Amino acid sequence: MLINKLLPAIEAKWPKGTLRKLLIRIQQDNASPHKGKAMEEKLNNALKELGKKNIRVEFYNQSAQSPDFNILDLSYFNAIQSLQHKKNARNIDQMITAVQESFDELPWETLDNAFLTLQQCMELSIESKGDNVYQLPHMGKQKLRNSGNLPRHITITDQETLNIVKENNP
């Protein structure tokens, strides 16, 4: 799935002229089967065999006990699942088809919103010194999008937070 579907989709959507070296970072949860470098090595070897020497993949584990940092769990899976539940699947093949159709039907804005929410979670976690006891404020993304004022990324404005980020990223 990664080699045949995900990576070609990322490559197709990546801005043209910037594909000299493409590093794709895949975040995973800390489940035991996801740990280790075997899948990363296998994937990069497969890409080389396919002649995709300009693409490299790295796997990262999310912080322990931080489900807010998992972009898929933040909202994306729930959005797909809510569409999938509207379909009438009676066996596993129909279920797979229903999930694929739901993925295809999901508006791009849903993933865009999820990434903005993820950025908010990261900023708030930094402000709370790595804790996850924060309240995520509502941003009004749809209203901002409709008015053409939705930011592409969250800007860190708090000076203390900015200093923490600079200390950790020299």
N, C-alpha and C. Protein backbone atom coordinates (compact mmCIF):
# COMPACT_ATOMS: atom_id res chain seq x y z
N MET A 1 0.83 -1.19 0.00
CA MET A 1 0.00 0.00 0.00
C MET A 1 0.88 1.26 0.00
N LEU A 2 1.91 1.25 0.84
CA LEU A 2 2.80 2.42 0.88
C LEU A 2 3.50 2.64 -0.46
N ILE A 3 4.05 1.55 -1.00
CA ILE A 3 4.83 1.67 -2.24
C ILE A 3 3.94 1.93 -3.45
N ASN A 4 2.81 1.22 -3.53
CA ASN A 4 1.97 1.31 -4.72
C ASN A 4 0.94 2.44 -4.69
N LYS A 5 0.57 2.91 -3.51
CA LYS A 5 -0.49 3.93 -3.42
C LYS A 5 -0.02 5.24 -2.79
N LEU A 6 0.46 5.15 -1.53
CA LEU A 6 0.76 6.37 -0.78
C LEU A 6 1.91 7.18 -1.38
N LEU A 7 3.06 6.54 -1.58
CA LEU A 7 4.22 7.29 -2.07
C LEU A 7 4.01 7.88 -3.47
N PRO A 8 3.41 7.13 -4.42
CA PRO A 8 3.12 7.76 -5.72
C PRO A 8 2.15 8.94 -5.60
N ALA A 9 1.18 8.85 -4.68
CA ALA A 9 0.23 9.96 -4.49
C ALA A 9 0.95 11.19 -3.94
N ILE A 10 1.86 10.99 -3.00
CA ILE A 10 2.64 12.11 -2.45
C ILE A 10 3.50 12.72 -3.54
N GLU A 11 4.18 11.87 -4.30
CA GLU A 11 5.05 12.35 -5.38
C GLU A 11 4.26 13.14 -6.43
N ALA A 12 3.06 12.67 -6.76
CA ALA A 12 2.23 13.34 -7.77
C ALA A 12 1.77 14.72 -7.31
N LYS A 13 1.53 14.87 -6.01
CA LYS A 13 1.03 16.13 -5.49
C LYS A 13 2.14 17.09 -5.06
N TRP A 14 3.38 16.59 -5.00
CA TRP A 14 4.49 17.42 -4.57
C TRP A 14 4.77 18.49 -5.62
N PRO A 15 5.08 19.72 -5.21
CA PRO A 15 5.33 20.79 -6.19
C PRO A 15 6.42 20.40 -7.18
N LYS A 16 6.13 20.61 -8.45
CA LYS A 16 7.08 20.27 -9.51
C LYS A 16 8.34 21.11 -9.36
N GLY A 17 9.47 20.52 -9.73
CA GLY A 17 10.74 21.23 -9.65
C GLY A 17 11.41 21.07 -8.29
N THR A 18 10.73 20.47 -7.33
CA THR A 18 11.33 20.29 -6.00
C THR A 18 11.61 18.82 -5.71
N LEU A 19 11.54 17.99 -6.73
CA LEU A 19 11.69 16.54 -6.52
C LEU A 19 13.13 16.05 -6.62
N ARG A 20 14.10 16.95 -6.59
CA ARG A 20 15.48 16.46 -6.64
C ARG A 20 15.74 15.48 -5.52
N LYS A 21 15.37 15.84 -4.31
CA LYS A 21 15.48 14.97 -3.15
C LYS A 21 14.21 15.15 -2.34
N LEU A 22 13.45 14.10 -2.20
CA LEU A 22 12.20 14.15 -1.47
C LEU A 22 12.31 13.24 -0.26
N LEU A 23 12.23 13.84 0.94
CA LEU A 23 12.25 13.07 2.18
C LEU A 23 10.83 13.04 2.71
N ILE A 24 10.29 11.84 2.86
CA ILE A 24 8.94 11.66 3.38
C ILE A 24 9.07 11.08 4.77
N ARG A 25 8.51 11.79 5.75
CA ARG A 25 8.55 11.32 7.13
C ARG A 25 7.17 10.77 7.48
N ILE A 26 7.16 9.53 7.92
CA ILE A 26 5.91 8.86 8.28
C ILE A 26 5.89 8.69 9.79
N GLN A 27 4.86 9.25 10.43
CA GLN A 27 4.71 9.13 11.87
C GLN A 27 3.84 7.93 12.20
N GLN A 28 4.29 7.12 13.15
CA GLN A 28 3.54 5.95 13.59
C GLN A 28 3.33 6.05 15.10
N ASP A 29 2.38 5.26 15.56
CA ASP A 29 2.20 5.21 17.01
C ASP A 29 3.31 4.34 17.59
N ASN A 30 3.32 4.21 18.89
CA ASN A 30 4.37 3.45 19.56
C ASN A 30 4.04 1.97 19.73
N ALA A 31 3.13 1.44 18.93
CA ALA A 31 2.78 0.03 19.04
C ALA A 31 4.02 -0.83 18.72
N SER A 32 4.18 -1.91 19.45
CA SER A 32 5.36 -2.77 19.29
C SER A 32 5.63 -3.20 17.85
N PRO A 33 4.60 -3.60 17.07
CA PRO A 33 4.89 -4.02 15.70
C PRO A 33 5.45 -2.90 14.81
N HIS A 34 5.27 -1.65 15.22
CA HIS A 34 5.72 -0.53 14.39
C HIS A 34 7.15 -0.10 14.71
N LYS A 35 7.71 -0.63 15.76
CA LYS A 35 9.06 -0.22 16.15
C LYS A 35 10.10 -0.97 15.34
N GLY A 36 11.25 -0.35 15.19
CA GLY A 36 12.34 -0.98 14.45
C GLY A 36 12.50 -0.35 13.08
N LYS A 37 13.61 -0.67 12.44
CA LYS A 37 13.97 -0.05 11.17
C LYS A 37 13.74 -0.96 9.97
N ALA A 38 13.25 -2.17 10.19
CA ALA A 38 13.13 -3.15 9.10
C ALA A 38 12.21 -2.64 7.99
N MET A 39 11.05 -2.10 8.34
CA MET A 39 10.11 -1.61 7.32
C MET A 39 10.69 -0.40 6.58
N GLU A 40 11.34 0.48 7.30
CA GLU A 40 11.96 1.65 6.67
C GLU A 40 13.00 1.21 5.64
N GLU A 41 13.86 0.26 6.00
CA GLU A 41 14.89 -0.25 5.08
C GLU A 41 14.25 -0.95 3.88
N LYS A 42 13.24 -1.77 4.13
CA LYS A 42 12.55 -2.48 3.05
C LYS A 42 11.92 -1.50 2.07
N LEU A 43 11.29 -0.48 2.59
CA LEU A 43 10.63 0.52 1.75
C LEU A 43 11.64 1.30 0.92
N ASN A 44 12.72 1.74 1.54
CA ASN A 44 13.74 2.49 0.80
C ASN A 44 14.42 1.63 -0.26
N ASN A 45 14.65 0.36 0.04
CA ASN A 45 15.23 -0.57 -0.96
C ASN A 45 14.27 -0.76 -2.13
N ALA A 46 12.98 -0.89 -1.84
CA ALA A 46 11.98 -1.05 -2.90
C ALA A 46 11.93 0.20 -3.78
N LEU A 47 12.04 1.37 -3.17
CA LEU A 47 12.03 2.61 -3.95
C LEU A 47 13.24 2.67 -4.89
N LYS A 48 14.40 2.27 -4.39
CA LYS A 48 15.61 2.25 -5.23
C LYS A 48 15.43 1.30 -6.41
N GLU A 49 14.86 0.11 -6.14
CA GLU A 49 14.63 -0.87 -7.20
C GLU A 49 13.66 -0.34 -8.26
N LEU A 50 12.73 0.52 -7.85
CA LEU A 50 11.78 1.12 -8.78
C LEU A 50 12.36 2.34 -9.50
N GLY A 51 13.63 2.65 -9.21
CA GLY A 51 14.27 3.80 -9.85
C GLY A 51 13.94 5.12 -9.18
N LYS A 52 13.40 5.09 -8.00
CA LYS A 52 13.02 6.30 -7.27
C LYS A 52 14.13 6.67 -6.30
N LYS A 53 15.30 6.93 -6.82
CA LYS A 53 16.46 7.20 -5.97
C LYS A 53 16.39 8.58 -5.33
N ASN A 54 15.49 9.44 -5.81
CA ASN A 54 15.36 10.78 -5.26
C ASN A 54 14.40 10.83 -4.06
N ILE A 55 13.76 9.69 -3.74
CA ILE A 55 12.81 9.65 -2.64
C ILE A 55 13.37 8.78 -1.52
N ARG A 56 13.30 9.31 -0.31
CA ARG A 56 13.73 8.55 0.86
C ARG A 56 12.64 8.68 1.92
N VAL A 57 12.43 7.59 2.65
CA VAL A 57 11.39 7.56 3.68
C VAL A 57 12.04 7.34 5.04
N GLU A 58 11.55 8.08 6.04
CA GLU A 58 11.97 7.88 7.42
C GLU A 58 10.71 7.68 8.26
N PHE A 59 10.78 6.74 9.20
CA PHE A 59 9.68 6.49 10.12
C PHE A 59 10.01 7.10 11.47
N TYR A 60 9.01 7.71 12.08
CA TYR A 60 9.14 8.28 13.41
C TYR A 60 7.99 7.80 14.28
N ASN A 61 8.27 7.59 15.54
CA ASN A 61 7.22 7.23 16.48
C ASN A 61 6.73 8.49 17.19
N GLN A 62 5.44 8.58 17.38
CA GLN A 62 4.91 9.72 18.12
C GLN A 62 5.33 9.59 19.58
N SER A 63 5.28 10.70 20.28
CA SER A 63 5.61 10.69 21.70
C SER A 63 4.67 9.75 22.44
N ALA A 64 5.20 9.08 23.44
CA ALA A 64 4.38 8.17 24.23
C ALA A 64 3.25 8.93 24.91
N GLN A 65 2.09 8.32 24.97
CA GLN A 65 0.92 8.90 25.63
C GLN A 65 0.51 10.24 25.05
N SER A 66 0.74 10.45 23.76
CA SER A 66 0.37 11.71 23.11
C SER A 66 -0.49 11.46 21.88
N PRO A 67 -1.73 10.99 22.06
CA PRO A 67 -2.57 10.71 20.90
C PRO A 67 -2.89 11.96 20.08
N ASP A 68 -2.76 13.15 20.69
CA ASP A 68 -3.02 14.38 19.95
C ASP A 68 -2.01 14.60 18.83
N PHE A 69 -0.87 13.93 18.89
CA PHE A 69 0.15 14.12 17.86
C PHE A 69 -0.02 13.15 16.69
N ASN A 70 -0.99 12.27 16.77
CA ASN A 70 -1.23 11.33 15.69
C ASN A 70 -2.27 11.95 14.75
N ILE A 71 -1.82 12.45 13.62
CA ILE A 71 -2.68 13.18 12.68
C ILE A 71 -3.88 12.35 12.24
N LEU A 72 -3.68 11.06 12.10
CA LEU A 72 -4.77 10.21 11.65
C LEU A 72 -5.85 10.07 12.71
N ASP A 73 -5.44 9.92 13.97
CA ASP A 73 -6.41 9.78 15.05
C ASP A 73 -7.07 11.10 15.42
N LEU A 74 -6.40 12.22 15.13
CA LEU A 74 -6.97 13.52 15.47
C LEU A 74 -8.34 13.72 14.84
N SER A 75 -8.48 13.36 13.59
CA SER A 75 -9.78 13.55 12.95
C SER A 75 -9.95 12.77 11.65
N TYR A 76 -8.87 12.43 11.01
CA TYR A 76 -8.96 11.89 9.66
C TYR A 76 -9.67 10.54 9.62
N PHE A 77 -9.28 9.60 10.51
CA PHE A 77 -9.94 8.30 10.54
C PHE A 77 -11.42 8.43 10.88
N ASN A 78 -11.73 9.30 11.84
CA ASN A 78 -13.13 9.50 12.23
C ASN A 78 -13.95 10.03 11.06
N ALA A 79 -13.38 10.93 10.29
CA ALA A 79 -14.09 11.49 9.14
C ALA A 79 -14.37 10.42 8.09
N ILE A 80 -13.36 9.59 7.81
CA ILE A 80 -13.54 8.50 6.85
C ILE A 80 -14.58 7.51 7.39
N GLN A 81 -14.46 7.19 8.68
CA GLN A 81 -15.37 6.21 9.28
C GLN A 81 -16.82 6.70 9.26
N SER A 82 -17.04 7.99 9.47
CA SER A 82 -18.41 8.50 9.46
C SER A 82 -19.02 8.37 8.07
N LEU A 83 -18.22 8.54 7.01
CA LEU A 83 -18.71 8.33 5.65
C LEU A 83 -18.93 6.85 5.36
N GLN A 84 -18.01 6.03 5.84
CA GLN A 84 -18.08 4.59 5.59
C GLN A 84 -19.31 3.97 6.25
N HIS A 85 -19.68 4.46 7.43
CA HIS A 85 -20.84 3.91 8.14
C HIS A 85 -22.15 4.18 7.40
N LYS A 86 -22.16 5.13 6.49
CA LYS A 86 -23.36 5.43 5.71
C LYS A 86 -23.56 4.44 4.58
N LYS A 87 -22.54 3.63 4.31
CA LYS A 87 -22.62 2.64 3.24
C LYS A 87 -23.04 1.30 3.82
N ASN A 88 -23.65 0.48 3.02
CA ASN A 88 -24.18 -0.79 3.49
C ASN A 88 -23.24 -1.92 3.07
N ALA A 89 -22.31 -2.27 3.98
CA ALA A 89 -21.36 -3.35 3.69
C ALA A 89 -21.80 -4.61 4.41
N ARG A 90 -21.90 -5.72 3.66
CA ARG A 90 -22.36 -6.97 4.24
C ARG A 90 -21.25 -8.02 4.37
N ASN A 91 -20.07 -7.75 3.79
CA ASN A 91 -18.96 -8.68 3.91
C ASN A 91 -17.65 -7.88 3.85
N ILE A 92 -16.54 -8.57 4.03
CA ILE A 92 -15.25 -7.88 4.10
C ILE A 92 -14.89 -7.15 2.81
N ASP A 93 -15.21 -7.74 1.66
CA ASP A 93 -14.91 -7.08 0.39
C ASP A 93 -15.71 -5.79 0.23
N GLN A 94 -16.97 -5.82 0.63
CA GLN A 94 -17.79 -4.61 0.56
C GLN A 94 -17.29 -3.57 1.56
N MET A 95 -16.80 -4.02 2.71
CA MET A 95 -16.26 -3.11 3.72
C MET A 95 -15.02 -2.40 3.19
N ILE A 96 -14.12 -3.15 2.56
CA ILE A 96 -12.91 -2.56 1.98
C ILE A 96 -13.28 -1.54 0.91
N THR A 97 -14.23 -1.90 0.06
CA THR A 97 -14.70 -0.98 -0.99
C THR A 97 -15.31 0.27 -0.37
N ALA A 98 -16.11 0.10 0.69
CA ALA A 98 -16.76 1.23 1.35
C ALA A 98 -15.73 2.18 1.95
N VAL A 99 -14.68 1.64 2.57
CA VAL A 99 -13.64 2.48 3.16
C VAL A 99 -12.88 3.22 2.06
N GLN A 100 -12.53 2.52 0.97
CA GLN A 100 -11.82 3.17 -0.15
C GLN A 100 -12.67 4.29 -0.76
N GLU A 101 -13.95 4.03 -0.98
CA GLU A 101 -14.84 5.06 -1.52
C GLU A 101 -14.96 6.24 -0.56
N SER A 102 -15.04 5.97 0.73
CA SER A 102 -15.14 7.03 1.73
C SER A 102 -13.88 7.89 1.72
N PHE A 103 -12.71 7.23 1.60
CA PHE A 103 -11.45 7.96 1.51
C PHE A 103 -11.46 8.88 0.28
N ASP A 104 -11.91 8.35 -0.86
CA ASP A 104 -11.94 9.12 -2.10
C ASP A 104 -12.93 10.29 -2.02
N GLU A 105 -14.02 10.11 -1.28
CA GLU A 105 -15.06 11.14 -1.18
C GLU A 105 -14.73 12.23 -0.17
N LEU A 106 -13.81 11.95 0.72
CA LEU A 106 -13.51 12.90 1.80
C LEU A 106 -12.92 14.19 1.22
N PRO A 107 -13.48 15.34 1.57
CA PRO A 107 -12.95 16.61 1.05
C PRO A 107 -11.52 16.86 1.55
N TRP A 108 -10.71 17.49 0.71
CA TRP A 108 -9.32 17.78 1.08
C TRP A 108 -9.26 18.70 2.30
N GLU A 109 -10.29 19.49 2.50
CA GLU A 109 -10.30 20.43 3.62
C GLU A 109 -10.24 19.70 4.97
N THR A 110 -10.73 18.47 5.00
CA THR A 110 -10.72 17.70 6.25
C THR A 110 -9.29 17.44 6.70
N LEU A 111 -8.42 17.02 5.79
CA LEU A 111 -7.03 16.77 6.14
C LEU A 111 -6.31 18.08 6.42
N ASP A 112 -6.62 19.11 5.65
CA ASP A 112 -6.04 20.44 5.88
C ASP A 112 -6.36 20.91 7.30
N ASN A 113 -7.61 20.75 7.71
CA ASN A 113 -8.02 21.13 9.07
C ASN A 113 -7.27 20.31 10.12
N ALA A 114 -7.10 19.02 9.85
CA ALA A 114 -6.42 18.15 10.81
C ALA A 114 -4.98 18.60 11.02
N PHE A 115 -4.29 19.01 9.96
CA PHE A 115 -2.90 19.45 10.11
C PHE A 115 -2.81 20.76 10.88
N LEU A 116 -3.76 21.65 10.68
CA LEU A 116 -3.76 22.89 11.48
C LEU A 116 -4.02 22.57 12.95
N THR A 117 -4.92 21.64 13.21
CA THR A 117 -5.19 21.24 14.59
C THR A 117 -3.95 20.60 15.21
N LEU A 118 -3.26 19.76 14.44
CA LEU A 118 -2.02 19.15 14.92
C LEU A 118 -1.00 20.22 15.31
N GLN A 119 -0.86 21.25 14.48
CA GLN A 119 0.07 22.33 14.80
C GLN A 119 -0.32 23.04 16.09
N GLN A 120 -1.63 23.23 16.28
CA GLN A 120 -2.09 23.84 17.52
C GLN A 120 -1.73 22.95 18.72
N CYS A 121 -1.95 21.64 18.59
CA CYS A 121 -1.63 20.71 19.68
C CYS A 121 -0.14 20.77 20.01
N MET A 122 0.69 20.82 18.98
CA MET A 122 2.14 20.87 19.22
C MET A 122 2.54 22.15 19.93
N GLU A 123 2.00 23.28 19.48
CA GLU A 123 2.33 24.55 20.13
C GLU A 123 1.88 24.54 21.59
N LEU A 124 0.66 24.08 21.85
CA LEU A 124 0.15 24.06 23.22
C LEU A 124 0.94 23.09 24.09
N SER A 125 1.39 21.97 23.52
CA SER A 125 2.21 21.03 24.27
C SER A 125 3.55 21.66 24.62
N ILE A 126 4.13 22.40 23.70
CA ILE A 126 5.40 23.09 23.98
C ILE A 126 5.19 24.12 25.09
N GLU A 127 4.09 24.89 24.99
CA GLU A 127 3.80 25.90 26.01
C GLU A 127 3.60 25.29 27.38
N SER A 128 3.06 24.06 27.42
CA SER A 128 2.83 23.41 28.71
C SER A 128 3.98 22.47 29.07
N LYS A 129 5.15 22.76 28.51
CA LYS A 129 6.39 22.01 28.82
C LYS A 129 6.27 20.52 28.52
N GLY A 130 5.59 20.18 27.44
CA GLY A 130 5.48 18.80 26.99
C GLY A 130 4.30 18.05 27.54
N ASP A 131 3.51 18.70 28.35
CA ASP A 131 2.34 18.04 28.92
C ASP A 131 1.19 18.07 27.93
N ASN A 132 0.15 17.29 28.20
CA ASN A 132 -1.02 17.30 27.32
C ASN A 132 -2.29 17.69 28.09
N VAL A 133 -2.14 18.62 29.00
CA VAL A 133 -3.27 19.07 29.82
C VAL A 133 -3.78 20.43 29.35
N TYR A 134 -3.81 20.64 28.06
CA TYR A 134 -4.22 21.91 27.49
C TYR A 134 -5.63 21.81 26.92
N GLN A 135 -6.26 22.96 26.76
CA GLN A 135 -7.56 23.04 26.10
C GLN A 135 -7.31 23.57 24.69
N LEU A 136 -7.73 22.84 23.70
CA LEU A 136 -7.54 23.26 22.32
C LEU A 136 -8.61 24.29 21.95
N PRO A 137 -8.21 25.52 21.66
CA PRO A 137 -9.21 26.54 21.33
C PRO A 137 -9.78 26.31 19.93
N HIS A 138 -11.03 26.71 19.74
CA HIS A 138 -11.62 26.63 18.41
C HIS A 138 -11.09 27.77 17.57
N MET A 139 -10.72 27.44 16.37
CA MET A 139 -10.08 28.40 15.48
C MET A 139 -11.08 29.00 14.50
N GLY A 140 -12.20 28.32 14.26
CA GLY A 140 -13.16 28.79 13.27
C GLY A 140 -12.60 28.63 11.86
N LYS A 141 -12.08 27.44 11.58
CA LYS A 141 -11.38 27.20 10.30
C LYS A 141 -12.27 27.46 9.08
N GLN A 142 -13.52 27.00 9.14
CA GLN A 142 -14.40 27.17 7.97
C GLN A 142 -14.67 28.64 7.69
N LYS A 143 -14.91 29.40 8.73
CA LYS A 143 -15.16 30.84 8.56
C LYS A 143 -13.91 31.53 8.00
N LEU A 144 -12.74 31.17 8.54
CA LEU A 144 -11.48 31.73 8.04
C LEU A 144 -11.23 31.31 6.59
N ARG A 145 -11.53 30.04 6.26
CA ARG A 145 -11.35 29.56 4.88
C ARG A 145 -12.27 30.31 3.93
N ASN A 146 -13.54 30.48 4.33
CA ASN A 146 -14.51 31.19 3.48
C ASN A 146 -14.10 32.63 3.21
N SER A 147 -13.45 33.26 4.19
CA SER A 147 -13.04 34.65 4.02
C SER A 147 -11.65 34.77 3.39
N GLY A 148 -11.01 33.63 3.13
CA GLY A 148 -9.68 33.65 2.52
C GLY A 148 -8.58 33.96 3.52
N ASN A 149 -8.85 33.81 4.81
CA ASN A 149 -7.88 34.16 5.85
C ASN A 149 -7.37 32.96 6.65
N LEU A 150 -7.61 31.74 6.18
CA LEU A 150 -7.14 30.58 6.91
C LEU A 150 -5.63 30.47 6.73
N PRO A 151 -4.87 30.42 7.84
CA PRO A 151 -3.42 30.33 7.71
C PRO A 151 -2.99 28.95 7.22
N ARG A 152 -1.87 28.88 6.53
CA ARG A 152 -1.32 27.61 6.07
C ARG A 152 -0.61 26.90 7.22
N HIS A 153 -0.16 27.66 8.19
CA HIS A 153 0.51 27.10 9.35
C HIS A 153 0.26 28.00 10.54
N ILE A 154 0.43 27.45 11.72
CA ILE A 154 0.26 28.19 12.95
C ILE A 154 1.58 28.86 13.28
N THR A 155 1.55 30.13 13.56
CA THR A 155 2.75 30.88 13.91
C THR A 155 2.88 30.94 15.42
N ILE A 156 4.05 30.61 15.92
CA ILE A 156 4.30 30.70 17.36
C ILE A 156 4.52 32.16 17.70
N THR A 157 3.66 32.69 18.56
CA THR A 157 3.75 34.12 18.90
C THR A 157 4.29 34.35 20.30
N ASP A 158 4.15 33.38 21.18
CA ASP A 158 4.61 33.51 22.55
C ASP A 158 6.13 33.44 22.57
N GLN A 159 6.81 34.45 23.13
CA GLN A 159 8.27 34.51 23.11
C GLN A 159 8.90 33.35 23.88
N GLU A 160 8.32 32.95 25.01
CA GLU A 160 8.88 31.84 25.78
C GLU A 160 8.83 30.54 24.96
N THR A 161 7.70 30.32 24.27
CA THR A 161 7.57 29.14 23.42
C THR A 161 8.57 29.19 22.28
N LEU A 162 8.73 30.35 21.68
CA LEU A 162 9.68 30.53 20.58
C LEU A 162 11.09 30.20 21.06
N ASN A 163 11.45 30.63 22.26
CA ASN A 163 12.77 30.34 22.82
C ASN A 163 12.96 28.85 23.04
N ILE A 164 11.91 28.14 23.51
CA ILE A 164 12.00 26.69 23.72
C ILE A 164 12.24 25.98 22.39
N VAL A 165 11.50 26.39 21.36
CA VAL A 165 11.67 25.79 20.03
C VAL A 165 13.08 26.03 19.52
N LYS A 166 13.60 27.24 19.66
CA LYS A 166 14.95 27.55 19.19
C LYS A 166 16.02 26.74 19.95
N GLU A 167 15.82 26.57 21.26
CA GLU A 167 16.76 25.78 22.06
C GLU A 167 16.80 24.33 21.61
N ASN A 168 15.66 23.79 21.23
CA ASN A 168 15.56 22.38 20.83
C ASN A 168 15.86 22.15 19.37
N ASN A 169 15.98 23.21 18.59
CA ASN A 169 16.28 23.11 17.16
C ASN A 169 17.37 24.10 16.78
N PRO A 170 18.60 23.85 17.21
CA PRO A 170 19.68 24.83 16.94
C PRO A 170 19.99 24.95 15.47
